[in-house]
Amino acid sequence: MAIHPEGIPFIIINSVVWIAVAALVLRFCRHLVPKVILLLACAFMLVMMFVFFRTPQREITNDAGLVVAPADGKVVEVDKVYVDEYFGCECTRISIFLNLFNVHITWFPTGGEVVYSKYYPGAHTFAFLPKSSEKNEHTTIVVRDDAGREVMFRQIAGIVARRVVSYAEQGALCTQGSEAGFIKFGSRLTVLIPGDVEPLVEVGDKVTGSVTPLVRFK
């Protein structure tokens, strides 16, 4: 299993911590049941670090007529909203909630030029709440494709996620399905598309980042 570079410092630090805790448990805990429970908890925490920062091998969807999911997770919103930031118009919104067991890499949902990229410090409330899209720490990125169509997506930190990492630099060129960033621990991705598009997912659908089509341009 490949490990994402963003996870290496976390894995090293957590390995030292949990191995030390396990050693203390073995040394000082004399009762079998609590000893086994504590050792299993240490092992679980170590395994979770590797699971969380895993990097999957995927067949990336590459189609200029589609906007693909920028992250793994569950669709929690499919609606129309007015977007003040950058667009100043009504957009189709699709929000994806990531739990702790999802891959937390962010992929570019479309290819083209990064025309807008901005980081916002903020709160760390539950990422599944609608208000988290604007209130929580997040980044906003807009990509314009060769046909002039623009797609905005936001990486949003949650109550556990304490940091969003974006690789999108304004003026840079990107390809659909390439890595756009990483969100460290549970979070949310929101995609906003102006104009006439056809949603291809519904609330409750599970999506796979860089693979599952979210909308089709009309």
N, C-alpha and C. Protein backbone atom coordinates (compact mmCIF):
# COMPACT_ATOMS: atom_id res chain seq x y z
N MET A 1 0.84 -1.19 0.00
CA MET A 1 0.00 0.00 0.00
C MET A 1 0.88 1.25 0.00
N ALA A 2 0.71 2.10 -1.00
CA ALA A 2 1.50 3.33 -1.08
C ALA A 2 1.01 4.34 -0.05
N ILE A 3 1.93 5.09 0.53
CA ILE A 3 1.61 6.11 1.53
C ILE A 3 1.86 7.49 0.94
N HIS A 4 0.91 8.39 1.15
CA HIS A 4 1.05 9.74 0.62
C HIS A 4 2.13 10.50 1.40
N PRO A 5 2.95 11.30 0.70
CA PRO A 5 4.00 12.06 1.39
C PRO A 5 3.51 12.94 2.53
N GLU A 6 2.25 13.45 2.43
CA GLU A 6 1.70 14.28 3.51
C GLU A 6 1.60 13.51 4.83
N GLY A 7 1.54 12.19 4.74
CA GLY A 7 1.33 11.39 5.94
C GLY A 7 2.58 10.92 6.63
N ILE A 8 3.74 11.02 5.97
CA ILE A 8 4.96 10.46 6.53
C ILE A 8 5.31 11.05 7.91
N PRO A 9 5.29 12.38 8.09
CA PRO A 9 5.59 12.91 9.44
C PRO A 9 4.60 12.42 10.50
N PHE A 10 3.29 12.37 10.13
CA PHE A 10 2.28 11.89 11.08
C PHE A 10 2.54 10.44 11.46
N ILE A 11 2.86 9.61 10.48
CA ILE A 11 3.07 8.19 10.74
C ILE A 11 4.29 7.98 11.62
N ILE A 12 5.37 8.70 11.36
CA ILE A 12 6.58 8.56 12.17
C ILE A 12 6.30 8.96 13.62
N ILE A 13 5.69 10.13 13.82
CA ILE A 13 5.41 10.61 15.17
C ILE A 13 4.45 9.68 15.90
N ASN A 14 3.37 9.28 15.21
CA ASN A 14 2.39 8.39 15.87
C ASN A 14 2.96 7.01 16.15
N SER A 15 3.84 6.52 15.29
CA SER A 15 4.46 5.22 15.53
C SER A 15 5.28 5.26 16.81
N VAL A 16 6.06 6.32 16.99
CA VAL A 16 6.87 6.46 18.20
C VAL A 16 5.97 6.54 19.44
N VAL A 17 4.90 7.35 19.34
CA VAL A 17 4.01 7.54 20.49
C VAL A 17 3.32 6.25 20.88
N TRP A 18 2.71 5.57 19.89
CA TRP A 18 1.90 4.39 20.23
C TRP A 18 2.75 3.18 20.57
N ILE A 19 3.94 3.08 20.01
CA ILE A 19 4.85 2.00 20.41
C ILE A 19 5.31 2.23 21.85
N ALA A 20 5.56 3.49 22.20
CA ALA A 20 5.95 3.81 23.58
C ALA A 20 4.82 3.50 24.55
N VAL A 21 3.58 3.86 24.16
CA VAL A 21 2.43 3.55 25.02
C VAL A 21 2.28 2.04 25.18
N ALA A 22 2.44 1.29 24.09
CA ALA A 22 2.33 -0.17 24.16
C ALA A 22 3.40 -0.75 25.09
N ALA A 23 4.60 -0.19 25.03
CA ALA A 23 5.68 -0.67 25.90
C ALA A 23 5.35 -0.42 27.37
N LEU A 24 4.77 0.75 27.66
CA LEU A 24 4.37 1.07 29.04
C LEU A 24 3.26 0.14 29.51
N VAL A 25 2.33 -0.17 28.63
CA VAL A 25 1.24 -1.09 28.98
C VAL A 25 1.82 -2.46 29.32
N LEU A 26 2.72 -2.96 28.48
CA LEU A 26 3.33 -4.26 28.74
C LEU A 26 4.13 -4.27 30.05
N ARG A 27 4.72 -3.15 30.35
CA ARG A 27 5.57 -3.08 31.55
C ARG A 27 4.78 -2.93 32.83
N PHE A 28 3.71 -2.14 32.82
CA PHE A 28 3.06 -1.79 34.08
C PHE A 28 1.64 -2.36 34.25
N CYS A 29 0.99 -2.71 33.16
CA CYS A 29 -0.38 -3.24 33.30
C CYS A 29 -0.32 -4.74 33.60
N ARG A 30 -0.83 -5.15 34.74
CA ARG A 30 -0.68 -6.52 35.19
C ARG A 30 -1.94 -7.36 34.97
N HIS A 31 -3.04 -6.74 34.59
CA HIS A 31 -4.28 -7.47 34.37
C HIS A 31 -4.47 -7.73 32.88
N LEU A 32 -4.81 -8.96 32.54
CA LEU A 32 -4.82 -9.40 31.15
C LEU A 32 -5.82 -8.64 30.28
N VAL A 33 -7.07 -8.51 30.75
CA VAL A 33 -8.12 -7.91 29.91
C VAL A 33 -7.82 -6.46 29.56
N PRO A 34 -7.55 -5.59 30.54
CA PRO A 34 -7.21 -4.21 30.17
C PRO A 34 -5.93 -4.13 29.34
N LYS A 35 -4.97 -5.01 29.60
CA LYS A 35 -3.73 -5.01 28.83
C LYS A 35 -4.02 -5.29 27.36
N VAL A 36 -4.84 -6.31 27.09
CA VAL A 36 -5.19 -6.67 25.71
C VAL A 36 -5.95 -5.53 25.03
N ILE A 37 -6.91 -4.93 25.77
CA ILE A 37 -7.70 -3.83 25.20
C ILE A 37 -6.81 -2.65 24.83
N LEU A 38 -5.89 -2.29 25.73
CA LEU A 38 -5.00 -1.15 25.47
C LEU A 38 -4.04 -1.43 24.33
N LEU A 39 -3.54 -2.65 24.24
CA LEU A 39 -2.63 -3.00 23.15
C LEU A 39 -3.36 -3.00 21.81
N LEU A 40 -4.59 -3.47 21.80
CA LEU A 40 -5.39 -3.45 20.57
C LEU A 40 -5.69 -2.01 20.14
N ALA A 41 -5.94 -1.14 21.13
CA ALA A 41 -6.19 0.27 20.82
C ALA A 41 -4.96 0.91 20.20
N CYS A 42 -3.77 0.60 20.72
CA CYS A 42 -2.53 1.12 20.16
C CYS A 42 -2.33 0.64 18.73
N ALA A 43 -2.59 -0.65 18.51
CA ALA A 43 -2.44 -1.22 17.17
C ALA A 43 -3.43 -0.58 16.19
N PHE A 44 -4.66 -0.36 16.68
CA PHE A 44 -5.68 0.26 15.83
C PHE A 44 -5.27 1.66 15.41
N MET A 45 -4.74 2.45 16.34
CA MET A 45 -4.34 3.82 16.03
C MET A 45 -3.19 3.83 15.02
N LEU A 46 -2.28 2.89 15.14
CA LEU A 46 -1.18 2.80 14.19
C LEU A 46 -1.68 2.45 12.79
N VAL A 47 -2.56 1.45 12.73
CA VAL A 47 -3.11 1.01 11.44
C VAL A 47 -3.90 2.14 10.78
N MET A 48 -4.66 2.90 11.59
CA MET A 48 -5.47 3.99 11.05
C MET A 48 -4.61 5.06 10.38
N MET A 49 -3.42 5.31 10.89
CA MET A 49 -2.54 6.28 10.26
C MET A 49 -2.18 5.85 8.84
N PHE A 50 -1.90 4.55 8.67
CA PHE A 50 -1.55 4.03 7.35
C PHE A 50 -2.78 4.03 6.43
N VAL A 51 -3.93 3.68 6.98
CA VAL A 51 -5.16 3.66 6.18
C VAL A 51 -5.53 5.06 5.73
N PHE A 52 -5.45 6.02 6.63
CA PHE A 52 -5.86 7.39 6.31
C PHE A 52 -4.99 8.01 5.22
N PHE A 53 -3.69 7.75 5.26
CA PHE A 53 -2.77 8.39 4.32
C PHE A 53 -2.42 7.49 3.13
N ARG A 54 -3.24 6.49 2.85
CA ARG A 54 -2.97 5.61 1.72
C ARG A 54 -3.19 6.35 0.39
N THR A 55 -2.49 5.92 -0.63
CA THR A 55 -2.61 6.50 -1.97
C THR A 55 -3.06 5.39 -2.92
N PRO A 56 -4.30 5.46 -3.41
CA PRO A 56 -4.81 4.39 -4.28
C PRO A 56 -4.34 4.53 -5.73
N GLN A 57 -4.30 3.40 -6.43
CA GLN A 57 -4.04 3.39 -7.87
C GLN A 57 -5.38 3.32 -8.58
N ARG A 58 -5.67 4.27 -9.48
CA ARG A 58 -6.99 4.34 -10.11
C ARG A 58 -6.91 4.62 -11.59
N GLU A 59 -7.96 4.18 -12.30
CA GLU A 59 -8.14 4.55 -13.69
C GLU A 59 -8.89 5.88 -13.71
N ILE A 60 -8.19 6.97 -13.97
CA ILE A 60 -8.77 8.31 -13.87
C ILE A 60 -9.71 8.58 -15.04
N THR A 61 -10.87 9.16 -14.74
CA THR A 61 -11.80 9.60 -15.78
C THR A 61 -11.27 10.88 -16.41
N ASN A 62 -11.07 10.86 -17.71
CA ASN A 62 -10.55 12.02 -18.42
C ASN A 62 -11.51 12.37 -19.55
N ASP A 63 -12.41 13.31 -19.28
CA ASP A 63 -13.44 13.69 -20.24
C ASP A 63 -13.76 15.17 -20.01
N ALA A 64 -13.45 16.02 -21.00
CA ALA A 64 -13.65 17.46 -20.85
C ALA A 64 -15.11 17.83 -20.70
N GLY A 65 -16.03 16.95 -21.07
CA GLY A 65 -17.45 17.24 -20.95
C GLY A 65 -18.03 16.90 -19.60
N LEU A 66 -17.19 16.38 -18.70
CA LEU A 66 -17.64 15.98 -17.37
C LEU A 66 -16.84 16.68 -16.29
N VAL A 67 -17.48 16.87 -15.14
CA VAL A 67 -16.79 17.28 -13.92
C VAL A 67 -16.78 16.06 -13.02
N VAL A 68 -15.58 15.60 -12.64
CA VAL A 68 -15.49 14.38 -11.84
C VAL A 68 -15.33 14.73 -10.36
N ALA A 69 -15.60 13.75 -9.52
CA ALA A 69 -15.52 13.95 -8.07
C ALA A 69 -14.08 14.31 -7.67
N PRO A 70 -13.90 15.36 -6.88
CA PRO A 70 -12.57 15.73 -6.42
C PRO A 70 -12.12 14.94 -5.18
N ALA A 71 -13.01 14.09 -4.66
CA ALA A 71 -12.66 13.35 -3.45
C ALA A 71 -13.56 12.14 -3.30
N ASP A 72 -13.10 11.18 -2.51
CA ASP A 72 -13.94 10.05 -2.11
C ASP A 72 -14.94 10.52 -1.06
N GLY A 73 -16.08 9.86 -0.97
CA GLY A 73 -17.02 10.18 0.09
C GLY A 73 -18.46 9.99 -0.30
N LYS A 74 -19.33 10.63 0.45
CA LYS A 74 -20.79 10.52 0.28
C LYS A 74 -21.36 11.88 -0.11
N VAL A 75 -22.20 11.89 -1.13
CA VAL A 75 -22.83 13.14 -1.57
C VAL A 75 -23.87 13.56 -0.53
N VAL A 76 -23.75 14.78 -0.02
CA VAL A 76 -24.68 15.26 1.01
C VAL A 76 -25.52 16.45 0.53
N GLU A 77 -25.15 17.03 -0.61
CA GLU A 77 -25.93 18.15 -1.16
C GLU A 77 -25.86 18.12 -2.69
N VAL A 78 -27.02 18.28 -3.32
CA VAL A 78 -27.11 18.53 -4.76
C VAL A 78 -28.20 19.57 -4.92
N ASP A 79 -27.82 20.82 -5.17
CA ASP A 79 -28.82 21.88 -5.25
C ASP A 79 -28.27 23.08 -6.01
N LYS A 80 -29.04 24.17 -6.00
CA LYS A 80 -28.64 25.43 -6.63
C LYS A 80 -28.44 26.47 -5.53
N VAL A 81 -27.35 27.21 -5.60
CA VAL A 81 -27.09 28.26 -4.62
C VAL A 81 -26.48 29.47 -5.33
N TYR A 82 -26.65 30.64 -4.71
CA TYR A 82 -26.01 31.84 -5.23
C TYR A 82 -24.62 31.92 -4.62
N VAL A 83 -23.60 32.09 -5.46
CA VAL A 83 -22.21 32.13 -5.00
C VAL A 83 -21.67 33.54 -5.17
N ASP A 84 -21.41 34.23 -4.06
CA ASP A 84 -20.86 35.58 -4.10
C ASP A 84 -19.40 35.56 -4.53
N GLU A 85 -18.64 34.63 -3.97
CA GLU A 85 -17.21 34.60 -4.22
C GLU A 85 -16.90 34.29 -5.68
N TYR A 86 -16.16 35.13 -6.32
CA TYR A 86 -15.65 35.00 -7.68
C TYR A 86 -16.76 35.03 -8.74
N PHE A 87 -17.75 34.13 -8.65
CA PHE A 87 -18.76 34.01 -9.70
C PHE A 87 -19.81 35.13 -9.66
N GLY A 88 -20.43 35.34 -8.50
CA GLY A 88 -21.52 36.30 -8.41
C GLY A 88 -22.74 35.88 -9.20
N CYS A 89 -23.07 34.60 -9.16
CA CYS A 89 -24.23 34.08 -9.89
C CYS A 89 -24.67 32.77 -9.25
N GLU A 90 -25.79 32.24 -9.74
CA GLU A 90 -26.30 30.97 -9.24
C GLU A 90 -25.47 29.82 -9.82
N CYS A 91 -25.18 28.85 -8.98
CA CYS A 91 -24.38 27.69 -9.39
C CYS A 91 -25.03 26.39 -8.93
N THR A 92 -24.72 25.33 -9.63
CA THR A 92 -25.06 24.00 -9.15
C THR A 92 -24.02 23.60 -8.10
N ARG A 93 -24.51 23.18 -6.93
CA ARG A 93 -23.61 22.81 -5.84
C ARG A 93 -23.72 21.31 -5.57
N ILE A 94 -22.58 20.66 -5.49
CA ILE A 94 -22.52 19.26 -5.08
C ILE A 94 -21.48 19.16 -3.97
N SER A 95 -21.90 18.71 -2.79
CA SER A 95 -21.01 18.59 -1.65
C SER A 95 -20.78 17.13 -1.30
N ILE A 96 -19.54 16.82 -0.97
CA ILE A 96 -19.13 15.45 -0.63
C ILE A 96 -18.55 15.46 0.78
N PHE A 97 -19.08 14.59 1.64
CA PHE A 97 -18.56 14.46 3.00
C PHE A 97 -17.61 13.28 3.06
N LEU A 98 -16.42 13.49 3.63
CA LEU A 98 -15.41 12.45 3.78
C LEU A 98 -15.37 12.01 5.24
N ASN A 99 -15.48 10.71 5.49
CA ASN A 99 -15.30 10.22 6.85
C ASN A 99 -13.84 9.80 7.04
N LEU A 100 -13.49 9.36 8.23
CA LEU A 100 -12.10 9.06 8.55
C LEU A 100 -11.53 7.91 7.74
N PHE A 101 -12.41 7.07 7.17
CA PHE A 101 -11.93 5.90 6.43
C PHE A 101 -11.78 6.16 4.94
N ASN A 102 -12.21 7.33 4.47
CA ASN A 102 -12.04 7.68 3.07
C ASN A 102 -10.61 8.12 2.78
N VAL A 103 -10.19 7.96 1.51
CA VAL A 103 -8.94 8.56 1.06
C VAL A 103 -9.13 10.08 1.09
N HIS A 104 -8.14 10.81 1.60
CA HIS A 104 -8.31 12.26 1.78
C HIS A 104 -7.51 13.11 0.79
N ILE A 105 -7.08 12.50 -0.29
CA ILE A 105 -6.47 13.27 -1.38
C ILE A 105 -7.57 14.07 -2.08
N THR A 106 -7.22 15.27 -2.54
CA THR A 106 -8.12 16.07 -3.38
C THR A 106 -7.59 16.02 -4.81
N TRP A 107 -8.48 15.72 -5.77
CA TRP A 107 -8.10 15.68 -7.18
C TRP A 107 -8.77 16.83 -7.94
N PHE A 108 -8.14 17.30 -9.00
CA PHE A 108 -8.76 18.32 -9.83
C PHE A 108 -9.97 17.73 -10.55
N PRO A 109 -11.16 18.35 -10.41
CA PRO A 109 -12.37 17.81 -11.05
C PRO A 109 -12.44 18.07 -12.54
N THR A 110 -11.62 18.98 -13.03
CA THR A 110 -11.54 19.29 -14.46
C THR A 110 -10.14 19.78 -14.76
N GLY A 111 -9.79 19.82 -16.02
CA GLY A 111 -8.47 20.29 -16.40
C GLY A 111 -8.51 21.71 -16.95
N GLY A 112 -7.37 22.38 -16.96
CA GLY A 112 -7.32 23.74 -17.49
C GLY A 112 -6.34 24.60 -16.72
N GLU A 113 -6.67 25.86 -16.58
CA GLU A 113 -5.83 26.83 -15.87
C GLU A 113 -6.46 27.18 -14.53
N VAL A 114 -5.65 27.20 -13.48
CA VAL A 114 -6.10 27.66 -12.17
C VAL A 114 -6.18 29.19 -12.23
N VAL A 115 -7.40 29.73 -12.25
CA VAL A 115 -7.57 31.18 -12.39
C VAL A 115 -7.85 31.86 -11.05
N TYR A 116 -8.07 31.07 -10.01
CA TYR A 116 -8.36 31.66 -8.68
C TYR A 116 -7.99 30.63 -7.63
N SER A 117 -7.27 31.05 -6.62
CA SER A 117 -6.90 30.16 -5.51
C SER A 117 -6.73 30.99 -4.26
N LYS A 118 -7.53 30.70 -3.23
CA LYS A 118 -7.48 31.51 -2.01
C LYS A 118 -7.72 30.64 -0.78
N TYR A 119 -6.94 30.92 0.25
CA TYR A 119 -7.06 30.20 1.52
C TYR A 119 -7.78 31.07 2.54
N TYR A 120 -8.70 30.46 3.31
CA TYR A 120 -9.44 31.17 4.34
C TYR A 120 -9.25 30.46 5.68
N PRO A 121 -8.65 31.11 6.67
CA PRO A 121 -8.65 30.54 8.02
C PRO A 121 -10.06 30.59 8.58
N GLY A 122 -10.37 29.72 9.50
CA GLY A 122 -11.73 29.73 10.04
C GLY A 122 -11.91 28.75 11.17
N ALA A 123 -13.18 28.41 11.41
CA ALA A 123 -13.54 27.51 12.51
C ALA A 123 -13.30 26.06 12.11
N HIS A 124 -13.59 25.15 13.04
CA HIS A 124 -13.50 23.72 12.77
C HIS A 124 -14.75 23.03 13.34
N THR A 125 -15.90 23.38 12.74
CA THR A 125 -17.15 22.74 13.14
C THR A 125 -17.32 21.46 12.34
N PHE A 126 -18.42 20.73 12.60
CA PHE A 126 -18.67 19.49 11.89
C PHE A 126 -18.76 19.74 10.38
N ALA A 127 -18.00 18.98 9.59
CA ALA A 127 -17.91 19.21 8.14
C ALA A 127 -19.19 18.86 7.40
N PHE A 128 -20.08 18.04 8.03
CA PHE A 128 -21.32 17.68 7.33
C PHE A 128 -22.37 18.78 7.42
N LEU A 129 -22.14 19.82 8.23
CA LEU A 129 -23.09 20.93 8.33
C LEU A 129 -22.95 21.86 7.13
N PRO A 130 -24.06 22.32 6.54
CA PRO A 130 -23.99 23.21 5.38
C PRO A 130 -23.16 24.46 5.62
N LYS A 131 -23.23 25.04 6.83
CA LYS A 131 -22.52 26.29 7.10
C LYS A 131 -21.00 26.11 7.08
N SER A 132 -20.53 24.85 7.15
CA SER A 132 -19.09 24.62 7.18
C SER A 132 -18.41 25.07 5.89
N SER A 133 -19.16 25.12 4.77
CA SER A 133 -18.59 25.51 3.48
C SER A 133 -17.99 26.90 3.52
N GLU A 134 -18.53 27.79 4.35
CA GLU A 134 -18.04 29.16 4.40
C GLU A 134 -17.42 29.51 5.75
N LYS A 135 -17.88 28.85 6.84
CA LYS A 135 -17.42 29.21 8.18
C LYS A 135 -16.11 28.52 8.56
N ASN A 136 -15.90 27.30 8.06
CA ASN A 136 -14.71 26.56 8.46
C ASN A 136 -13.47 26.98 7.66
N GLU A 137 -12.32 26.61 8.17
CA GLU A 137 -11.09 26.78 7.41
C GLU A 137 -11.25 26.10 6.05
N HIS A 138 -10.93 26.79 4.98
CA HIS A 138 -11.09 26.18 3.66
C HIS A 138 -10.24 26.89 2.61
N THR A 139 -10.10 26.24 1.47
CA THR A 139 -9.52 26.87 0.30
C THR A 139 -10.57 26.90 -0.80
N THR A 140 -10.52 27.92 -1.64
CA THR A 140 -11.39 28.00 -2.81
C THR A 140 -10.51 28.05 -4.05
N ILE A 141 -10.80 27.17 -5.00
CA ILE A 141 -10.01 27.06 -6.23
C ILE A 141 -10.96 27.07 -7.42
N VAL A 142 -10.60 27.81 -8.45
CA VAL A 142 -11.39 27.84 -9.68
C VAL A 142 -10.49 27.46 -10.85
N VAL A 143 -10.97 26.50 -11.66
CA VAL A 143 -10.25 26.06 -12.85
C VAL A 143 -11.07 26.40 -14.08
N ARG A 144 -10.41 27.01 -15.07
CA ARG A 144 -11.07 27.32 -16.34
C ARG A 144 -10.51 26.39 -17.42
N ASP A 145 -11.42 25.65 -18.10
CA ASP A 145 -10.95 24.72 -19.12
C ASP A 145 -10.74 25.41 -20.47
N ASP A 146 -10.35 24.64 -21.48
CA ASP A 146 -10.03 25.21 -22.79
C ASP A 146 -11.24 25.82 -23.48
N ALA A 147 -12.45 25.39 -23.06
CA ALA A 147 -13.68 25.93 -23.65
C ALA A 147 -14.18 27.16 -22.90
N GLY A 148 -13.46 27.60 -21.88
CA GLY A 148 -13.84 28.77 -21.10
C GLY A 148 -14.80 28.47 -19.97
N ARG A 149 -15.11 27.21 -19.73
CA ARG A 149 -16.02 26.84 -18.63
C ARG A 149 -15.23 26.80 -17.33
N GLU A 150 -15.85 27.29 -16.27
CA GLU A 150 -15.17 27.39 -14.99
C GLU A 150 -15.83 26.51 -13.93
N VAL A 151 -15.00 25.88 -13.12
CA VAL A 151 -15.46 25.01 -12.03
C VAL A 151 -14.75 25.43 -10.76
N MET A 152 -15.54 25.70 -9.72
CA MET A 152 -14.99 26.03 -8.40
C MET A 152 -15.09 24.81 -7.50
N PHE A 153 -14.06 24.59 -6.68
CA PHE A 153 -14.19 23.58 -5.63
C PHE A 153 -13.51 24.08 -4.37
N ARG A 154 -14.10 23.68 -3.24
CA ARG A 154 -13.61 24.12 -1.93
C ARG A 154 -13.20 22.91 -1.09
N GLN A 155 -11.98 22.97 -0.55
CA GLN A 155 -11.53 22.00 0.44
C GLN A 155 -11.90 22.57 1.81
N ILE A 156 -12.65 21.81 2.59
CA ILE A 156 -13.18 22.34 3.85
C ILE A 156 -12.76 21.45 5.01
N ALA A 157 -12.10 22.03 6.00
CA ALA A 157 -11.71 21.29 7.20
C ALA A 157 -12.93 21.02 8.06
N GLY A 158 -12.87 19.94 8.84
CA GLY A 158 -13.98 19.60 9.74
C GLY A 158 -13.56 19.74 11.19
N ILE A 159 -14.33 19.10 12.07
CA ILE A 159 -14.05 19.21 13.51
C ILE A 159 -12.78 18.44 13.88
N VAL A 160 -12.46 17.39 13.09
CA VAL A 160 -11.24 16.63 13.32
C VAL A 160 -10.12 17.14 12.42
N ALA A 161 -10.47 17.45 11.17
CA ALA A 161 -9.46 17.99 10.25
C ALA A 161 -8.97 19.34 10.75
N ARG A 162 -7.68 19.48 10.85
CA ARG A 162 -7.12 20.74 11.36
C ARG A 162 -6.32 21.49 10.31
N ARG A 163 -6.25 20.93 9.10
CA ARG A 163 -5.46 21.62 8.10
C ARG A 163 -5.87 21.17 6.71
N VAL A 164 -6.03 22.15 5.80
CA VAL A 164 -6.23 21.84 4.39
C VAL A 164 -4.97 22.23 3.64
N VAL A 165 -4.54 21.37 2.75
CA VAL A 165 -3.33 21.61 1.96
C VAL A 165 -3.73 21.68 0.49
N SER A 166 -3.40 22.79 -0.16
CA SER A 166 -3.70 22.96 -1.58
C SER A 166 -2.42 23.06 -2.39
N TYR A 167 -2.39 22.34 -3.52
CA TYR A 167 -1.25 22.43 -4.43
C TYR A 167 -1.57 23.34 -5.61
N ALA A 168 -2.78 23.92 -5.64
CA ALA A 168 -3.23 24.72 -6.78
C ALA A 168 -2.69 26.14 -6.68
N GLU A 169 -1.86 26.52 -7.61
CA GLU A 169 -1.31 27.87 -7.65
C GLU A 169 -1.92 28.63 -8.80
N GLN A 170 -2.36 29.85 -8.53
CA GLN A 170 -3.00 30.65 -9.57
C GLN A 170 -2.07 30.83 -10.77
N GLY A 171 -2.63 30.58 -11.95
CA GLY A 171 -1.85 30.67 -13.18
C GLY A 171 -1.28 29.35 -13.65
N ALA A 172 -1.31 28.34 -12.79
CA ALA A 172 -0.76 27.03 -13.16
C ALA A 172 -1.76 26.25 -14.01
N LEU A 173 -1.24 25.34 -14.82
CA LEU A 173 -2.08 24.46 -15.61
C LEU A 173 -2.23 23.14 -14.87
N CYS A 174 -3.40 22.53 -15.00
CA CYS A 174 -3.66 21.27 -14.31
C CYS A 174 -4.38 20.32 -15.26
N THR A 175 -4.30 19.05 -14.96
CA THR A 175 -5.01 18.04 -15.73
C THR A 175 -6.09 17.41 -14.86
N GLN A 176 -7.18 17.02 -15.48
CA GLN A 176 -8.28 16.40 -14.76
C GLN A 176 -7.80 15.12 -14.08
N GLY A 177 -8.10 15.01 -12.78
CA GLY A 177 -7.72 13.81 -12.04
C GLY A 177 -6.34 13.86 -11.42
N SER A 178 -5.58 14.94 -11.65
CA SER A 178 -4.29 15.07 -10.98
C SER A 178 -4.51 15.58 -9.55
N GLU A 179 -3.51 15.43 -8.69
CA GLU A 179 -3.68 15.81 -7.29
C GLU A 179 -3.73 17.33 -7.13
N ALA A 180 -4.75 17.77 -6.39
CA ALA A 180 -4.93 19.21 -6.13
C ALA A 180 -4.62 19.56 -4.69
N GLY A 181 -4.49 18.56 -3.82
CA GLY A 181 -4.22 18.85 -2.42
C GLY A 181 -4.55 17.69 -1.52
N PHE A 182 -4.65 17.99 -0.23
CA PHE A 182 -4.90 16.96 0.79
C PHE A 182 -5.60 17.64 1.97
N ILE A 183 -6.52 16.91 2.59
CA ILE A 183 -7.16 17.41 3.82
C ILE A 183 -6.86 16.42 4.93
N LYS A 184 -6.26 16.90 6.00
CA LYS A 184 -5.80 15.99 7.05
C LYS A 184 -6.90 15.74 8.08
N PHE A 185 -7.53 14.56 7.92
CA PHE A 185 -8.60 14.03 8.76
C PHE A 185 -9.97 14.61 8.33
N GLY A 186 -11.07 13.97 8.80
CA GLY A 186 -12.42 14.17 8.29
C GLY A 186 -12.76 15.54 7.73
N SER A 187 -13.52 15.61 6.65
CA SER A 187 -13.65 16.88 5.95
C SER A 187 -14.77 16.87 4.92
N ARG A 188 -14.76 17.89 4.05
CA ARG A 188 -15.82 18.08 3.07
C ARG A 188 -15.24 18.76 1.83
N LEU A 189 -15.73 18.35 0.66
CA LEU A 189 -15.40 18.99 -0.62
C LEU A 189 -16.69 19.48 -1.25
N THR A 190 -16.72 20.73 -1.66
CA THR A 190 -17.89 21.30 -2.33
C THR A 190 -17.48 21.76 -3.73
N VAL A 191 -18.25 21.33 -4.72
CA VAL A 191 -18.01 21.71 -6.11
C VAL A 191 -19.15 22.64 -6.54
N LEU A 192 -18.80 23.75 -7.20
CA LEU A 192 -19.78 24.76 -7.62
C LEU A 192 -19.55 25.07 -9.10
N ILE A 193 -20.61 24.89 -9.92
CA ILE A 193 -20.48 25.07 -11.36
C ILE A 193 -21.57 26.00 -11.86
N PRO A 194 -21.21 27.14 -12.46
CA PRO A 194 -22.22 28.02 -13.04
C PRO A 194 -22.68 27.48 -14.39
N GLY A 195 -23.80 28.02 -14.88
CA GLY A 195 -24.27 27.64 -16.21
C GLY A 195 -25.16 26.42 -16.19
N ASP A 196 -25.45 25.92 -17.37
CA ASP A 196 -26.39 24.82 -17.56
C ASP A 196 -25.66 23.49 -17.54
N VAL A 197 -25.81 22.75 -16.45
CA VAL A 197 -25.16 21.44 -16.33
C VAL A 197 -26.18 20.41 -15.86
N GLU A 198 -25.87 19.16 -16.12
CA GLU A 198 -26.75 18.05 -15.74
C GLU A 198 -26.11 17.26 -14.60
N PRO A 199 -26.66 17.33 -13.37
CA PRO A 199 -26.12 16.53 -12.27
C PRO A 199 -26.27 15.03 -12.57
N LEU A 200 -25.24 14.27 -12.26
CA LEU A 200 -25.24 12.83 -12.50
C LEU A 200 -25.25 12.03 -11.21
N VAL A 201 -25.32 12.71 -10.07
CA VAL A 201 -25.36 12.04 -8.77
C VAL A 201 -26.51 12.59 -7.94
N GLU A 202 -26.88 11.85 -6.91
CA GLU A 202 -27.94 12.27 -6.00
C GLU A 202 -27.42 12.23 -4.57
N VAL A 203 -28.13 12.89 -3.66
CA VAL A 203 -27.78 12.84 -2.24
C VAL A 203 -27.80 11.39 -1.77
N GLY A 204 -26.76 11.00 -1.08
CA GLY A 204 -26.64 9.63 -0.58
C GLY A 204 -25.72 8.76 -1.41
N ASP A 205 -25.40 9.19 -2.64
CA ASP A 205 -24.51 8.40 -3.49
C ASP A 205 -23.09 8.40 -2.94
N LYS A 206 -22.41 7.27 -3.08
CA LYS A 206 -20.98 7.19 -2.75
C LYS A 206 -20.19 7.47 -4.03
N VAL A 207 -19.17 8.32 -3.93
CA VAL A 207 -18.39 8.68 -5.11
C VAL A 207 -16.91 8.37 -4.87
N THR A 208 -16.21 8.18 -5.98
CA THR A 208 -14.78 7.88 -5.93
C THR A 208 -14.02 9.03 -6.59
N GLY A 209 -13.10 9.63 -5.86
CA GLY A 209 -12.35 10.77 -6.36
C GLY A 209 -11.57 10.44 -7.61
N SER A 210 -11.60 11.34 -8.59
CA SER A 210 -10.93 11.25 -9.89
C SER A 210 -11.57 10.24 -10.83
N VAL A 211 -12.68 9.62 -10.38
CA VAL A 211 -13.32 8.58 -11.19
C VAL A 211 -14.79 8.87 -11.47
N THR A 212 -15.58 9.15 -10.43
CA THR A 212 -17.03 9.28 -10.56
C THR A 212 -17.42 10.62 -11.17
N PRO A 213 -18.17 10.63 -12.30
CA PRO A 213 -18.65 11.89 -12.86
C PRO A 213 -19.72 12.52 -11.96
N LEU A 214 -19.59 13.81 -11.70
CA LEU A 214 -20.60 14.51 -10.88
C LEU A 214 -21.65 15.21 -11.75
N VAL A 215 -21.17 15.91 -12.80
CA VAL A 215 -22.10 16.61 -13.69
C VAL A 215 -21.59 16.49 -15.12
N ARG A 216 -22.52 16.72 -16.05
CA ARG A 216 -22.18 16.78 -17.48
C ARG A 216 -22.51 18.18 -17.97
N PHE A 217 -21.57 18.81 -18.67
CA PHE A 217 -21.84 20.10 -19.29
C PHE A 217 -22.84 19.91 -20.43
N LYS A 218 -23.81 20.83 -20.53
CA LYS A 218 -24.78 20.76 -21.62
C LYS A 218 -24.31 21.62 -22.77
